[in-house]
Every structure is written in structure tokens, then in C-alpha cells.
């Protein structure tokens, strides 16, 4: 992973997303990758996850079905 990227996990419970960083050694089923600035913008709500994904500022790896479900719920 490049030094200026941050890996994070988004969990949705009761319609509200929670963003947490991926810890070294963790292998979650779905990983979002973005620059540290964009990851912070997603976490703070300044950047909508869907918008970041569509703009290529947020990338995904892993279970694409979960990614699409998550993107649908992060409106």
C-alpha cells in the first residue's frame, strides 16, 4: 500500500455508516482505499462515499456484492 493511502472499513448499522481504519494484519472482506485526506473526508461526512467512489478517489477491493450494497446504503 502506498504511503499516502489509508485503508478503512465502513460498517452500516441502523442506516448510519461508521468508518474505522484497517489495522495491520486485518483482512476484512471488503476494503476501501483512499488518500488519508479523502478517508478523513469520508469519515467526517465532508465526502459522500458514493461520490468519492464515482470520482475514483475511493477504491474497493474484496467482495463487490458487499461494496454495491454498502454504496446503495450510503446516500
PDB file of N, CA and C in Angstrom:
ATOM      1  N   UNK A   1       0.851  -1.174   0.000  1.00  0.00           N
ATOM      2  CA  UNK A   1       0.000   0.000   0.000  1.00  0.00           C
ATOM      3  C   UNK A   1       0.896   1.236   0.000  1.00  0.00           C
ATOM      4  N   UNK A   2       0.646   2.164  -0.916  1.00  0.00           N
ATOM      5  CA  UNK A   2       1.442   3.391  -0.927  1.00  0.00           C
ATOM      6  C   UNK A   2       1.332   4.149   0.387  1.00  0.00           C
ATOM      7  N   UNK A   3       2.389   4.875   0.717  1.00  0.00           N
ATOM      8  CA  UNK A   3       2.468   5.571   1.998  1.00  0.00           C
ATOM      9  C   UNK A   3       1.348   6.593   2.205  1.00  0.00           C
ATOM     10  N   UNK A   4       0.851   7.218   1.124  1.00  0.00           N
ATOM     11  CA  UNK A   4      -0.162   8.259   1.280  1.00  0.00           C
ATOM     12  C   UNK A   4      -1.589   7.725   1.210  1.00  0.00           C
ATOM     13  N   UNK A   5      -1.766   6.388   1.245  1.00  0.00           N
ATOM     14  CA  UNK A   5      -3.102   5.808   1.222  1.00  0.00           C
ATOM     15  C   UNK A   5      -3.474   5.269   2.589  1.00  0.00           C
ATOM     16  N   UNK A   6      -4.765   5.276   2.853  1.00  0.00           N
ATOM     17  CA  UNK A   6      -5.320   4.759   4.092  1.00  0.00           C
ATOM     18  C   UNK A   6      -6.357   3.712   3.739  1.00  0.00           C
ATOM     19  N   UNK A   7      -6.337   2.581   4.407  1.00  0.00           N
ATOM     20  CA  UNK A   7      -7.345   1.542   4.213  1.00  0.00           C
ATOM     21  C   UNK A   7      -8.348   1.669   5.351  1.00  0.00           C
ATOM     22  N   UNK A   8      -9.627   1.625   4.987  1.00  0.00           N
ATOM     23  CA  UNK A   8     -10.647   1.746   6.017  1.00  0.00           C
ATOM     24  C   UNK A   8     -11.825   0.849   5.723  1.00  0.00           C
ATOM     25  N   UNK A   9     -12.576   0.543   6.779  1.00  0.00           N
ATOM     26  CA  UNK A   9     -13.757  -0.295   6.705  1.00  0.00           C
ATOM     27  C   UNK A   9     -14.946   0.571   7.069  1.00  0.00           C
ATOM     28  N   UNK A  10     -16.020   0.451   6.302  1.00  0.00           N
ATOM     29  CA  UNK A  10     -17.251   1.160   6.598  1.00  0.00           C
ATOM     30  C   UNK A  10     -18.277   0.126   7.024  1.00  0.00           C
ATOM     31  N   UNK A  11     -18.869   0.322   8.199  1.00  0.00           N
ATOM     32  CA  UNK A  11     -19.911  -0.552   8.707  1.00  0.00           C
ATOM     33  C   UNK A  11     -21.195   0.252   8.776  1.00  0.00           C
ATOM     34  N   UNK A  12     -22.291  -0.338   8.321  1.00  0.00           N
ATOM     35  CA  UNK A  12     -23.578   0.349   8.376  1.00  0.00           C
ATOM     36  C   UNK A  12     -24.468  -0.387   9.370  1.00  0.00           C
ATOM     37  N   UNK A  13     -24.946   0.339  10.373  1.00  0.00           N
ATOM     38  CA  UNK A  13     -25.878  -0.208  11.354  1.00  0.00           C
ATOM     39  C   UNK A  13     -27.008   0.793  11.531  1.00  0.00           C
ATOM     40  N   UNK A  14     -28.230   0.320  11.415  1.00  0.00           N
ATOM     41  CA  UNK A  14     -29.409   1.183  11.535  1.00  0.00           C
ATOM     42  C   UNK A  14     -29.344   2.354  10.567  1.00  0.00           C
ATOM     43  N   UNK A  15     -28.802   2.114   9.377  1.00  0.00           N
ATOM     44  CA  UNK A  15     -28.740   3.147   8.351  1.00  0.00           C
ATOM     45  C   UNK A  15     -27.641   4.172   8.522  1.00  0.00           C
ATOM     46  N   UNK A  16     -26.837   4.052   9.576  1.00  0.00           N
ATOM     47  CA  UNK A  16     -25.767   5.023   9.828  1.00  0.00           C
ATOM     48  C   UNK A  16     -24.405   4.364   9.604  1.00  0.00           C
ATOM     49  N   UNK A  17     -23.579   4.944   8.713  1.00  0.00           N
ATOM     50  CA  UNK A  17     -22.253   4.368   8.480  1.00  0.00           C
ATOM     51  C   UNK A  17     -21.255   4.757   9.562  1.00  0.00           C
ATOM     52  N   UNK A  18     -20.375   3.819   9.885  1.00  0.00           N
ATOM     53  CA  UNK A  18     -19.261   4.055  10.799  1.00  0.00           C
ATOM     54  C   UNK A  18     -17.987   3.692  10.055  1.00  0.00           C
ATOM     55  N   UNK A  19     -16.988   4.556  10.110  1.00  0.00           N
ATOM     56  CA  UNK A  19     -15.732   4.343   9.400  1.00  0.00           C
ATOM     57  C   UNK A  19     -14.635   4.062  10.423  1.00  0.00           C
ATOM     58  N   UNK A  20     -13.893   2.966  10.212  1.00  0.00           N
ATOM     59  CA  UNK A  20     -12.754   2.638  11.071  1.00  0.00           C
ATOM     60  C   UNK A  20     -11.572   2.259  10.183  1.00  0.00           C
ATOM     61  N   UNK A  21     -10.380   2.528  10.667  1.00  0.00           N
ATOM     62  CA  UNK A  21      -9.165   2.181   9.929  1.00  0.00           C
ATOM     63  C   UNK A  21      -8.927   0.684   9.994  1.00  0.00           C
ATOM     64  N   UNK A  22      -8.324   0.132   8.947  1.00  0.00           N
ATOM     65  CA  UNK A  22      -7.927  -1.269   8.929  1.00  0.00           C
ATOM     66  C   UNK A  22      -6.610  -1.379   9.670  1.00  0.00           C
ATOM     67  N   UNK A  23      -6.580  -2.226  10.658  1.00  0.00           N
ATOM     68  CA  UNK A  23      -5.368  -2.435  11.444  1.00  0.00           C
ATOM     69  C   UNK A  23      -4.435  -3.393  10.700  1.00  0.00           C
ATOM     70  N   UNK A  24      -3.119  -3.245  10.880  1.00  0.00           N
ATOM     71  CA  UNK A  24      -2.179  -4.173  10.244  1.00  0.00           C
ATOM     72  C   UNK A  24      -2.518  -5.615  10.610  1.00  0.00           C
ATOM     73  N   UNK A  25      -2.525  -6.485   9.620  1.00  0.00           N
ATOM     74  CA  UNK A  25      -2.838  -7.894   9.849  1.00  0.00           C
ATOM     75  C   UNK A  25      -4.308  -8.229   9.680  1.00  0.00           C
ATOM     76  N   UNK A  26      -5.195  -7.225   9.697  1.00  0.00           N
ATOM     77  CA  UNK A  26      -6.620  -7.470   9.486  1.00  0.00           C
ATOM     78  C   UNK A  26      -6.873  -7.795   8.021  1.00  0.00           C
ATOM     79  N   UNK A  27      -7.810  -8.679   7.760  1.00  0.00           N
ATOM     80  CA  UNK A  27      -8.207  -8.993   6.396  1.00  0.00           C
ATOM     81  C   UNK A  27      -9.733  -8.961   6.300  1.00  0.00           C
ATOM     82  N   UNK A  28     -10.309  -7.770   6.305  1.00  0.00           N
ATOM     83  CA  UNK A  28     -11.761  -7.670   6.193  1.00  0.00           C
ATOM     84  C   UNK A  28     -12.210  -8.107   4.796  1.00  0.00           C
ATOM     85  N   UNK A  29     -13.486  -8.506   4.644  1.00  0.00           N
ATOM     86  CA  UNK A  29     -13.962  -8.977   3.351  1.00  0.00           C
ATOM     87  C   UNK A  29     -14.042  -7.878   2.292  1.00  0.00           C
ATOM     88  N   UNK A  30     -14.092  -6.632   2.720  1.00  0.00           N
ATOM     89  CA  UNK A  30     -14.180  -5.514   1.798  1.00  0.00           C
ATOM     90  C   UNK A  30     -13.325  -4.381   2.337  1.00  0.00           C
ATOM     91  N   UNK A  31     -12.439  -3.861   1.493  1.00  0.00           N
ATOM     92  CA  UNK A  31     -11.538  -2.783   1.913  1.00  0.00           C
ATOM     93  C   UNK A  31     -11.714  -1.605   0.969  1.00  0.00           C
ATOM     94  N   UNK A  32     -11.831  -0.429   1.542  1.00  0.00           N
ATOM     95  CA  UNK A  32     -11.835   0.810   0.776  1.00  0.00           C
ATOM     96  C   UNK A  32     -10.463   1.429   0.918  1.00  0.00           C
ATOM     97  N   UNK A  33      -9.931   1.969  -0.175  1.00  0.00           N
ATOM     98  CA  UNK A  33      -8.632   2.616  -0.155  1.00  0.00           C
ATOM     99  C   UNK A  33      -8.789   4.026  -0.700  1.00  0.00           C
ATOM    100  N   UNK A  34      -8.173   4.979   0.007  1.00  0.00           N
ATOM    101  CA  UNK A  34      -8.220   6.385  -0.401  1.00  0.00           C
ATOM    102  C   UNK A  34      -7.007   7.079   0.192  1.00  0.00           C
ATOM    103  N   UNK A  35      -6.742   8.287  -0.276  1.00  0.00           N
ATOM    104  CA  UNK A  35      -5.688   9.061   0.373  1.00  0.00           C
ATOM    105  C   UNK A  35      -6.137   9.350   1.803  1.00  0.00           C
ATOM    106  N   UNK A  36      -5.209   9.683   2.652  1.00  0.00           N
ATOM    107  CA  UNK A  36      -5.561   9.993   4.040  1.00  0.00           C
ATOM    108  C   UNK A  36      -6.555  11.147   4.101  1.00  0.00           C
ATOM    109  N   UNK A  37      -6.374  12.147   3.251  1.00  0.00           N
ATOM    110  CA  UNK A  37      -7.280  13.305   3.247  1.00  0.00           C
ATOM    111  C   UNK A  37      -8.688  12.895   2.822  1.00  0.00           C
ATOM    112  N   UNK A  38      -8.796  12.050   1.784  1.00  0.00           N
ATOM    113  CA  UNK A  38     -10.121  11.614   1.336  1.00  0.00           C
ATOM    114  C   UNK A  38     -10.770  10.680   2.347  1.00  0.00           C
ATOM    115  N   UNK A  39      -9.989   9.814   2.987  1.00  0.00           N
ATOM    116  CA  UNK A  39     -10.541   8.939   4.020  1.00  0.00           C
ATOM    117  C   UNK A  39     -11.093   9.766   5.180  1.00  0.00           C
ATOM    118  N   UNK A  40     -10.387  10.799   5.568  1.00  0.00           N
ATOM    119  CA  UNK A  40     -10.868  11.674   6.636  1.00  0.00           C
ATOM    120  C   UNK A  40     -12.134  12.399   6.200  1.00  0.00           C
ATOM    121  N   UNK A  41     -12.193  12.813   4.932  1.00  0.00           N
ATOM    122  CA  UNK A  41     -13.393  13.494   4.419  1.00  0.00           C
ATOM    123  C   UNK A  41     -14.600  12.556   4.439  1.00  0.00           C
ATOM    124  N   UNK A  42     -14.401  11.278   4.106  1.00  0.00           N
ATOM    125  CA  UNK A  42     -15.489  10.301   4.188  1.00  0.00           C
ATOM    126  C   UNK A  42     -15.900  10.119   5.646  1.00  0.00           C
ATOM    127  N   UNK A  43     -14.916   9.963   6.531  1.00  0.00           N
ATOM    128  CA  UNK A  43     -15.210   9.757   7.948  1.00  0.00           C
ATOM    129  C   UNK A  43     -15.991  10.918   8.543  1.00  0.00           C
ATOM    130  N   UNK A  44     -15.618  12.139   8.168  1.00  0.00           N
ATOM    131  CA  UNK A  44     -16.262  13.323   8.755  1.00  0.00           C
ATOM    132  C   UNK A  44     -17.586  13.668   8.080  1.00  0.00           C
ATOM    133  N   UNK A  45     -17.851  13.029   6.935  1.00  0.00           N
ATOM    134  CA  UNK A  45     -19.084  13.325   6.218  1.00  0.00           C
ATOM    135  C   UNK A  45     -18.932  14.412   5.168  1.00  0.00           C
ATOM    136  N   UNK A  46     -17.720  14.980   5.028  1.00  0.00           N
ATOM    137  CA  UNK A  46     -17.481  16.028   4.028  1.00  0.00           C
ATOM    138  C   UNK A  46     -17.471  15.462   2.610  1.00  0.00           C
ATOM    139  N   UNK A  47     -17.173  14.162   2.462  1.00  0.00           N
ATOM    140  CA  UNK A  47     -17.175  13.500   1.162  1.00  0.00           C
ATOM    141  C   UNK A  47     -18.098  12.296   1.250  1.00  0.00           C
ATOM    142  N   UNK A  48     -19.152  12.296   0.435  1.00  0.00           N
ATOM    143  CA  UNK A  48     -20.054  11.157   0.368  1.00  0.00           C
ATOM    144  C   UNK A  48     -19.300   9.980  -0.241  1.00  0.00           C
ATOM    145  N   UNK A  49     -19.463   8.800   0.338  1.00  0.00           N
ATOM    146  CA  UNK A  49     -18.755   7.611  -0.136  1.00  0.00           C
ATOM    147  C   UNK A  49     -19.057   7.334  -1.607  1.00  0.00           C
ATOM    148  N   UNK A  50     -20.322   7.473  -2.017  1.00  0.00           N
ATOM    149  CA  UNK A  50     -20.689   7.249  -3.419  1.00  0.00           C
ATOM    150  C   UNK A  50     -19.967   8.223  -4.336  1.00  0.00           C
ATOM    151  N   UNK A  51     -19.923   9.471  -3.964  1.00  0.00           N
ATOM    152  CA  UNK A  51     -19.264  10.491  -4.779  1.00  0.00           C
ATOM    153  C   UNK A  51     -17.772  10.176  -4.889  1.00  0.00           C
ATOM    154  N   UNK A  52     -17.147   9.851  -3.756  1.00  0.00           N
ATOM    155  CA  UNK A  52     -15.725   9.505  -3.768  1.00  0.00           C
ATOM    156  C   UNK A  52     -15.440   8.302  -4.655  1.00  0.00           C
ATOM    157  N   UNK A  53     -16.325   7.299  -4.618  1.00  0.00           N
ATOM    158  CA  UNK A  53     -16.157   6.109  -5.450  1.00  0.00           C
ATOM    159  C   UNK A  53     -16.297   6.483  -6.919  1.00  0.00           C
ATOM    160  N   UNK A  54     -17.325   7.246  -7.260  1.00  0.00           N
ATOM    161  CA  UNK A  54     -17.572   7.627  -8.665  1.00  0.00           C
ATOM    162  C   UNK A  54     -16.443   8.502  -9.207  1.00  0.00           C
ATOM    163  N   UNK A  55     -15.835   9.317  -8.353  1.00  0.00           N
ATOM    164  CA  UNK A  55     -14.740  10.191  -8.782  1.00  0.00           C
ATOM    165  C   UNK A  55     -13.398   9.465  -8.810  1.00  0.00           C
ATOM    166  N   UNK A  56     -13.359   8.216  -8.359  1.00  0.00           N
ATOM    167  CA  UNK A  56     -12.110   7.470  -8.327  1.00  0.00           C
ATOM    168  C   UNK A  56     -11.230   7.833  -7.144  1.00  0.00           C
ATOM    169  N   UNK A  57     -11.760   8.599  -6.205  1.00  0.00           N
ATOM    170  CA  UNK A  57     -10.986   8.993  -5.021  1.00  0.00           C
ATOM    171  C   UNK A  57     -11.017   7.891  -3.966  1.00  0.00           C
ATOM    172  N   UNK A  58     -11.999   7.011  -4.047  1.00  0.00           N
ATOM    173  CA  UNK A  58     -12.137   5.869  -3.148  1.00  0.00           C
ATOM    174  C   UNK A  58     -12.195   4.620  -4.018  1.00  0.00           C
ATOM    175  N   UNK A  59     -11.354   3.647  -3.698  1.00  0.00           N
ATOM    176  CA  UNK A  59     -11.325   2.393  -4.450  1.00  0.00           C
ATOM    177  C   UNK A  59     -11.717   1.254  -3.518  1.00  0.00           C
ATOM    178  N   UNK A  60     -12.171   0.140  -4.103  1.00  0.00           N
ATOM    179  CA  UNK A  60     -12.563  -1.009  -3.299  1.00  0.00           C
ATOM    180  C   UNK A  60     -11.793  -2.244  -3.730  1.00  0.00           C
ATOM    181  N   UNK A  61     -11.659  -3.167  -2.803  1.00  0.00           N
ATOM    182  CA  UNK A  61     -11.086  -4.486  -3.081  1.00  0.00           C
ATOM    183  C   UNK A  61     -11.817  -5.482  -2.199  1.00  0.00           C
ATOM    184  N   UNK A  62     -12.106  -6.637  -2.748  1.00  0.00           N
ATOM    185  CA  UNK A  62     -12.779  -7.659  -1.958  1.00  0.00           C
ATOM    186  C   UNK A  62     -14.146  -7.986  -2.525  1.00  0.00           C
ATOM    187  N   UNK A  63     -15.087  -8.234  -1.648  1.00  0.00           N
ATOM    188  CA  UNK A  63     -16.431  -8.685  -2.002  1.00  0.00           C
ATOM    189  C   UNK A  63     -17.229  -7.540  -2.634  1.00  0.00           C
ATOM    190  N   UNK A  64     -17.329  -7.559  -3.962  1.00  0.00           N
ATOM    191  CA  UNK A  64     -18.006  -6.463  -4.659  1.00  0.00           C
ATOM    192  C   UNK A  64     -19.508  -6.425  -4.378  1.00  0.00           C
ATOM    193  N   UNK A  65     -20.105  -7.547  -4.035  1.00  0.00           N
ATOM    194  CA  UNK A  65     -21.524  -7.534  -3.662  1.00  0.00           C
ATOM    195  C   UNK A  65     -21.718  -6.691  -2.403  1.00  0.00           C
ATOM    196  N   UNK A  66     -20.834  -6.861  -1.437  1.00  0.00           N
ATOM    197  CA  UNK A  66     -20.902  -6.037  -0.228  1.00  0.00           C
ATOM    198  C   UNK A  66     -20.638  -4.575  -0.558  1.00  0.00           C
ATOM    199  N   UNK A  67     -19.711  -4.316  -1.480  1.00  0.00           N
ATOM    200  CA  UNK A  67     -19.410  -2.939  -1.869  1.00  0.00           C
ATOM    201  C   UNK A  67     -20.640  -2.273  -2.461  1.00  0.00           C
ATOM    202  N   UNK A  68     -21.309  -2.957  -3.377  1.00  0.00           N
ATOM    203  CA  UNK A  68     -22.508  -2.378  -4.001  1.00  0.00           C
ATOM    204  C   UNK A  68     -23.628  -2.189  -2.979  1.00  0.00           C
ATOM    205  N   UNK A  69     -23.811  -3.157  -2.071  1.00  0.00           N
ATOM    206  CA  UNK A  69     -24.815  -2.991  -1.017  1.00  0.00           C
ATOM    207  C   UNK A  69     -24.503  -1.792  -0.148  1.00  0.00           C
ATOM    208  N   UNK A  70     -23.245  -1.639   0.199  1.00  0.00           N
ATOM    209  CA  UNK A  70     -22.830  -0.516   1.039  1.00  0.00           C
ATOM    210  C   UNK A  70     -23.004   0.818   0.312  1.00  0.00           C
ATOM    211  N   UNK A  71     -22.584   0.873  -0.947  1.00  0.00           N
ATOM    212  CA  UNK A  71     -22.726   2.106  -1.704  1.00  0.00           C
ATOM    213  C   UNK A  71     -24.204   2.499  -1.851  1.00  0.00           C
ATOM    214  N   UNK A  72     -25.079   1.501  -1.998  1.00  0.00           N
ATOM    215  CA  UNK A  72     -26.519   1.786  -2.074  1.00  0.00           C
ATOM    216  C   UNK A  72     -27.034   2.386  -0.778  1.00  0.00           C
ATOM    217  N   UNK A  73     -26.494   1.931   0.344  1.00  0.00           N
ATOM    218  CA  UNK A  73     -27.000   2.405   1.646  1.00  0.00           C
ATOM    219  C   UNK A  73     -26.348   3.708   2.104  1.00  0.00           C
ATOM    220  N   UNK A  74     -25.257   4.138   1.463  1.00  0.00           N
ATOM    221  CA  UNK A  74     -24.510   5.336   1.893  1.00  0.00           C
ATOM    222  C   UNK A  74     -24.931   6.550   1.072  1.00  0.00           C
ATOM    223  N   UNK A  75     -26.199   6.868   1.101  1.00  0.00           N
ATOM    224  CA  UNK A  75     -26.716   8.003   0.310  1.00  0.00           C
ATOM    225  C   UNK A  75     -26.752   9.252   1.101  1.00  0.00           C
TER     226      UNK A  75
END
